[in-house]
C-alpha atoms as a PDB file:
ATOM      1  CA  MET A   1     -13.915  -7.122  10.508  1.00  0.00           C
ATOM      2  CA  ARG A   2     -10.438  -6.185  10.862  1.00  0.00           C
ATOM      3  CA  ALA A   3      -7.028  -5.609   9.896  1.00  0.00           C
ATOM      4  CA  TRP A   4      -4.653  -8.893  10.120  1.00  0.00           C
ATOM      5  CA  LEU A   5      -1.499  -8.092  11.900  1.00  0.00           C
ATOM      6  CA  PRO A   6       1.399 -10.335  12.008  1.00  0.00           C
ATOM      7  CA  TRP A   7       1.573  -9.687  15.471  1.00  0.00           C
ATOM      8  CA  ARG A   8       0.182  -8.162  18.131  1.00  0.00           C
ATOM      9  CA  PRO A   9       1.763  -5.022  19.642  1.00  0.00           C
ATOM     10  CA  ALA A  10       1.957  -4.616  23.426  1.00  0.00           C
ATOM     11  CA  ASP A  11      -0.042  -1.749  24.844  1.00  0.00           C
ATOM     12  CA  SER A  12       3.449   0.102  26.062  1.00  0.00           C
ATOM     13  CA  MET A  13       4.727  -0.341  22.275  1.00  0.00           C
ATOM     14  CA  LEU A  14       1.640   1.629  21.060  1.00  0.00           C
ATOM     15  CA  ASP A  15       2.379   4.255  23.518  1.00  0.00           C
ATOM     16  CA  HIS A  16       5.889   4.672  22.477  1.00  0.00           C
ATOM     17  CA  MET A  17       5.693   4.572  18.634  1.00  0.00           C
ATOM     18  CA  PRO A  18       8.936   6.275  16.862  1.00  0.00           C
ATOM     19  CA  SER A  19       8.520   9.174  15.027  1.00  0.00           C
ATOM     20  CA  TYR A  20       8.294   7.622  11.167  1.00  0.00           C
ATOM     21  CA  ASP A  21      10.925   8.953   8.936  1.00  0.00           C
ATOM     22  CA  ARG A  22       9.734   6.890   5.786  1.00  0.00           C
ATOM     23  CA  ILE A  23       6.121   4.747   4.979  1.00  0.00           C
ATOM     24  CA  VAL A  24       5.656   2.172   2.016  1.00  0.00           C
ATOM     25  CA  TYR A  25       2.366   1.169   1.138  1.00  0.00           C
ATOM     26  CA  GLN A  26       2.419  -1.552  -1.383  1.00  0.00           C
ATOM     27  CA  TRP A  27      -0.888  -2.870  -3.125  1.00  0.00           C
ATOM     28  CA  SER A  28      -1.026  -6.086  -5.152  1.00  0.00           C
ATOM     29  CA  GLU A  29      -4.163  -7.175  -7.116  1.00  0.00           C
ATOM     30  CA  GLY A  30      -5.143 -10.651  -6.352  1.00  0.00           C
ATOM     31  CA  ALA A  31      -4.039 -14.063  -8.096  1.00  0.00           C
ATOM     32  CA  VAL A  32      -5.736 -12.903 -11.534  1.00  0.00           C
ATOM     33  CA  PRO A  33      -4.299 -13.722 -15.289  1.00  0.00           C
ATOM     34  CA  PRO A  34      -2.514 -11.768 -16.808  1.00  0.00           C
ATOM     35  CA  PRO A  35      -2.752  -8.953 -18.061  1.00  0.00           C
ATOM     36  CA  TYR A  36      -5.210  -8.110 -14.985  1.00  0.00           C
ATOM     37  CA  HIS A  37      -2.542  -8.494 -12.236  1.00  0.00           C
ATOM     38  CA  TYR A  38      -0.643  -5.208 -11.010  1.00  0.00           C
ATOM     39  CA  GLU A  39       1.025  -3.971  -8.426  1.00  0.00           C
ATOM     40  CA  TYR A  40       2.387  -0.592  -6.863  1.00  0.00           C
ATOM     41  CA  ALA A  41       4.468   0.914  -4.434  1.00  0.00           C
ATOM     42  CA  VAL A  42       4.173   4.391  -2.699  1.00  0.00           C
ATOM     43  CA  THR A  43       6.985   5.965  -0.582  1.00  0.00           C
ATOM     44  CA  LEU A  44       6.547   8.699   1.588  1.00  0.00           C
ATOM     45  CA  ALA A  45       8.917  10.689   3.831  1.00  0.00           C
ATOM     46  CA  ARG A  46       8.802  13.208   6.167  1.00  0.00           C
ATOM     47  CA  ASP A  47      10.733  15.593   4.394  1.00  0.00           C
ATOM     48  CA  GLY A  48       7.751  15.996   1.477  1.00  0.00           C
ATOM     49  CA  ALA A  49       9.083  13.536  -1.100  1.00  0.00           C
ATOM     50  CA  GLY A  50       7.067  10.903  -2.519  1.00  0.00           C
ATOM     51  CA  ALA A  51       7.921   7.774  -5.147  1.00  0.00           C
ATOM     52  CA  ILE A  52       5.591   5.426  -6.641  1.00  0.00           C
ATOM     53  CA  ARG A  53       6.785   2.307  -8.959  1.00  0.00           C
ATOM     54  CA  LEU A  54       3.877   0.193 -10.660  1.00  0.00           C
ATOM     55  CA  LEU A  55       4.376  -3.031 -11.918  1.00  0.00           C
ATOM     56  CA  PRO A  56       2.051  -4.049 -15.065  1.00  0.00           C
ATOM     57  CA  ASP A  57       2.539  -7.742 -14.272  1.00  0.00           C
ATOM     58  CA  TYR A  58       3.751 -10.463 -11.832  1.00  0.00           C
ATOM     59  CA  GLU A  59       7.224  -9.405 -10.850  1.00  0.00           C
ATOM     60  CA  GLN A  60       8.285 -13.024 -12.282  1.00  0.00           C
ATOM     61  CA  HIS A  61       7.747 -12.032 -15.416  1.00  0.00           C
ATOM     62  CA  ARG A  62      10.325  -9.248 -15.005  1.00  0.00           C
ATOM     63  CA  PRO A  63       8.119  -6.738 -16.722  1.00  0.00           C
ATOM     64  CA  PRO A  64       9.437  -3.075 -16.519  1.00  0.00           C
ATOM     65  CA  ALA A  65       8.833  -0.621 -13.815  1.00  0.00           C
ATOM     66  CA  MET A  66       7.253   2.263 -14.521  1.00  0.00           C
ATOM     67  CA  GLU A  67       7.916   5.086 -11.703  1.00  0.00           C
ATOM     68  CA  ALA A  68       7.384   8.741 -10.912  1.00  0.00           C
ATOM     69  CA  VAL A  69       8.290  11.126  -8.258  1.00  0.00           C
ATOM     70  CA  PHE A  70       5.700  13.780  -7.021  1.00  0.00           C
ATOM     71  CA  ARG A  71       5.726  16.056  -3.582  1.00  0.00           C
ATOM     72  CA  VAL A  72       3.615  15.711  -0.834  1.00  0.00           C
ATOM     73  CA  PRO A  73       1.555  18.371   0.849  1.00  0.00           C
ATOM     74  CA  ALA A  74       2.721  19.831   3.558  1.00  0.00           C
ATOM     75  CA  GLY A  75       1.870  18.001   6.724  1.00  0.00           C
ATOM     76  CA  SER A  76       0.349  14.899   5.088  1.00  0.00           C
ATOM     77  CA  PHE A  77       3.224  12.663   6.089  1.00  0.00           C
ATOM     78  CA  GLY A  78       2.686  13.749  10.062  1.00  0.00           C
ATOM     79  CA  CYS A  79      -0.906  13.322  10.047  1.00  0.00           C
ATOM     80  CA  LEU A  80      -0.605   9.610   8.017  1.00  0.00           C
ATOM     81  CA  ALA A  81       2.001   8.648  10.581  1.00  0.00           C
ATOM     82  CA  ASP A  82      -0.653   9.662  13.409  1.00  0.00           C
ATOM     83  CA  ALA A  83      -3.121   8.314  12.173  1.00  0.00           C
ATOM     84  CA  LEU A  84      -0.812   4.774  11.093  1.00  0.00           C
ATOM     85  CA  ALA A  85      -0.412   4.769  15.378  1.00  0.00           C
ATOM     86  CA  GLU A  86      -3.796   4.984  16.074  1.00  0.00           C
ATOM     87  CA  ALA A  87      -5.137   2.625  13.227  1.00  0.00           C
ATOM     88  CA  MET A  88      -2.692  -0.074  14.651  1.00  0.00           C
ATOM     89  CA  ALA A  89      -3.970   0.422  18.076  1.00  0.00           C
ATOM     90  CA  ILE A  90      -7.862   0.180  16.519  1.00  0.00           C
ATOM     91  CA  ASP A  91      -7.165  -2.866  14.826  1.00  0.00           C
ATOM     92  CA  ARG A  92      -5.446  -4.755  17.368  1.00  0.00           C
ATOM     93  CA  ALA A  93      -7.936  -5.061  19.626  1.00  0.00           C
ATOM     94  CA  ALA A  94     -10.065  -7.661  17.317  1.00  0.00           C
ATOM     95  CA  PRO A  95      -8.008 -10.830  17.678  1.00  0.00           C
ATOM     96  CA  PRO A  96      -7.369 -13.154  14.254  1.00  0.00           C
ATOM     97  CA  ARG A  97      -9.836 -15.994  13.536  1.00  0.00           C
ATOM     98  CA  ASP A  98      -8.962 -18.774  11.042  1.00  0.00           C
ATOM     99  CA  SER A  99     -12.001 -17.973   9.664  1.00  0.00           C
ATOM    100  CA  ASP A 100     -11.191 -14.557   8.446  1.00  0.00           C
ATOM    101  CA  ALA A 101      -8.485 -15.963   6.024  1.00  0.00           C
ATOM    102  CA  PRO A 102      -9.009 -14.097   2.769  1.00  0.00           C
ATOM    103  CA  LEU A 103      -9.011 -16.679  -0.478  1.00  0.00           C
ATOM    104  CA  GLY A 104      -7.286 -14.430  -3.457  1.00  0.00           C
ATOM    105  CA  GLY A 105      -8.016 -11.054  -3.171  1.00  0.00           C
ATOM    106  CA  SER A 106      -5.740  -7.822  -3.026  1.00  0.00           C
ATOM    107  CA  VAL A 107      -3.074  -7.710  -0.304  1.00  0.00           C
ATOM    108  CA  GLU A 108      -1.669  -4.249   1.046  1.00  0.00           C
ATOM    109  CA  ARG A 109       1.888  -3.902   3.185  1.00  0.00           C
ATOM    110  CA  TRP A 110       2.542  -1.324   4.677  1.00  0.00           C
ATOM    111  CA  GLU A 111       6.296  -0.598   5.879  1.00  0.00           C
ATOM    112  CA  LEU A 112       7.207   2.161   8.637  1.00  0.00           C
ATOM    113  CA  TYR A 113      10.444   3.318   9.223  1.00  0.00           C
ATOM    114  CA  ALA A 114      12.230   5.034  12.123  1.00  0.00           C
ATOM    115  CA  GLU A 115      15.516   6.294  12.363  1.00  0.00           C
ATOM    116  CA  GLY A 116      17.866   3.767  14.118  1.00  0.00           C
ATOM    117  CA  LYS A 117      15.003   1.441  14.386  1.00  0.00           C
ATOM    118  CA  ALA A 118      14.023  -2.137  12.497  1.00  0.00           C
ATOM    119  CA  PRO A 119      10.927  -1.235  10.227  1.00  0.00           C
ATOM    120  CA  ILE A 120       7.211  -1.979  11.272  1.00  0.00           C
ATOM    121  CA  LEU A 121       6.020  -4.513   8.752  1.00  0.00           C
ATOM    122  CA  LEU A 122       2.205  -5.071   8.365  1.00  0.00           C
ATOM    123  CA  THR A 123      -0.035  -6.844   5.869  1.00  0.00           C
ATOM    124  CA  ILE A 124      -3.728  -6.295   5.435  1.00  0.00           C
ATOM    125  CA  TYR A 125      -6.031  -8.188   3.530  1.00  0.00           C
ATOM    126  CA  PRO A 126      -8.986  -5.783   2.492  1.00  0.00           C
ATOM    127  CA  LEU A 127     -11.808  -8.331   2.163  1.00  0.00           C
ATOM    128  CA  CYS A 128     -11.422  -8.919   5.643  1.00  0.00           C
ATOM    129  CA  ALA A 129      -9.651  -5.592   7.170  1.00  0.00           C
ATOM    130  CA  GLY A 130     -10.884  -3.317  10.159  1.00  0.00           C
ATOM    131  CA  LEU A 131     -11.763   0.082  10.247  1.00  0.00           C
ATOM    132  CA  GLY A 132      -8.191   1.406  11.398  1.00  0.00           C
ATOM    133  CA  LEU A 133      -5.262   0.409   8.453  1.00  0.00           C
ATOM    134  CA  ALA A 134      -7.798  -0.286   5.543  1.00  0.00           C
ATOM    135  CA  ALA A 135      -9.340   3.354   5.671  1.00  0.00           C
ATOM    136  CA  LEU A 136      -5.620   4.677   5.451  1.00  0.00           C
ATOM    137  CA  SER A 137      -5.419   3.193   2.005  1.00  0.00           C
ATOM    138  CA  GLU A 138      -7.419   5.414   0.446  1.00  0.00           C
ATOM    139  CA  THR A 139      -5.729   8.165   2.084  1.00  0.00           C
ATOM    140  CA  VAL A 140      -1.951   7.155   0.585  1.00  0.00           C
ATOM    141  CA  ARG A 141      -3.557   6.596  -2.780  1.00  0.00           C
ATOM    142  CA  GLY A 142      -4.861  10.308  -2.612  1.00  0.00           C
ATOM    143  CA  LEU A 143      -1.641  11.837  -2.059  1.00  0.00           C
ATOM    144  CA  VAL A 144      -0.045  10.517  -5.470  1.00  0.00           C
ATOM    145  CA  PRO A 145      -1.405  13.433  -7.736  1.00  0.00           C
ATOM    146  CA  PRO A 146      -4.304  12.125 -10.194  1.00  0.00           C
ATOM    147  CA  GLU A 147      -1.924  13.075 -13.326  1.00  0.00           C
ATOM    148  CA  VAL A 148       0.510  10.627 -11.951  1.00  0.00           C
ATOM    149  CA  TRP A 149      -1.962   7.762 -11.885  1.00  0.00           C
ATOM    150  CA  ARG A 150      -3.387   8.496 -15.483  1.00  0.00           C
ATOM    151  CA  ARG A 151       0.624   8.124 -16.267  1.00  0.00           C
ATOM    152  CA  LEU A 152       1.029   5.252 -15.011  1.00  0.00           C
ATOM    153  CA  PHE A 153      -1.784   3.747 -16.336  1.00  0.00           C
ATOM    154  CA  ASP A 154      -1.531   4.873 -19.715  1.00  0.00           C
ATOM    155  CA  GLU A 155       1.941   3.104 -19.797  1.00  0.00           C
ATOM    156  CA  ARG A 156       0.645  -0.008 -18.134  1.00  0.00           C
ATOM    157  CA  ALA A 157      -2.054   0.060 -20.869  1.00  0.00           C
ATOM    158  CA  ALA A 158       0.935   0.842 -23.549  1.00  0.00           C
ATOM    159  CA  TYR A 159       3.088  -2.508 -22.224  1.00  0.00           C
ATOM    160  CA  TRP A 160       0.205  -4.679 -22.837  1.00  0.00           C
ATOM    161  CA  ARG A 161      -0.660  -3.357 -26.027  1.00  0.00           C
ATOM    162  CA  ALA A 162       3.297  -4.357 -27.160  1.00  0.00           C
ATOM    163  CA  GLN A 163       2.511  -7.842 -25.587  1.00  0.00           C
ATOM    164  CA  GLY A 164      -0.788  -7.951 -27.842  1.00  0.00           C
ATOM    165  CA  GLU A 165      -2.896  -8.351 -24.659  1.00  0.00           C
ATOM    166  CA  PRO A 166      -4.773  -4.835 -24.580  1.00  0.00           C
ATOM    167  CA  LEU A 167      -6.888  -4.057 -21.387  1.00  0.00           C
ATOM    168  CA  PRO A 168     -10.621  -3.869 -21.483  1.00  0.00           C
ATOM    169  CA  PRO A 169     -11.476   0.145 -20.684  1.00  0.00           C
ATOM    170  CA  GLU A 170     -12.634  -0.376 -17.197  1.00  0.00           C
ATOM    171  CA  ASP A 171      -8.850  -1.749 -16.503  1.00  0.00           C
ATOM    172  CA  THR A 172      -7.029   1.108 -17.974  1.00  0.00           C
END
């Protein structure tokens, strides 16, 4: 099992990875009917700024965005950036196979920004992800304070109650 990368970086590229200024991690629930679908993006900056934006429904339904800002613990950004470079080197070792293509399931996207460079974009299908990038998803989610997650999921539940579609307890 390994992560799906939309490109296969050359060894020389991995040896000279840029120093990232900003990392954006996006997660989207699989193709499920409302009210079960939701998606979010976590943005982390080298200066310690963090932000999260959660959509409680498919974007085409134009739900309100639920947003929060937070601070990332000192040193966390640099450790994550270093781990991302290592994970990309690990995951590129396994070439993709057509039989690995996922059907449904959640999707993760990473956007890695370095000053003056085009962003590096990665898409991961957790059902067939490798140990490299997939393992870092929990790390990013863990950088968002628990009280922020609680508030956003409370807002998500309130949104669906207002729509007449209360969420089951395990989804709140």
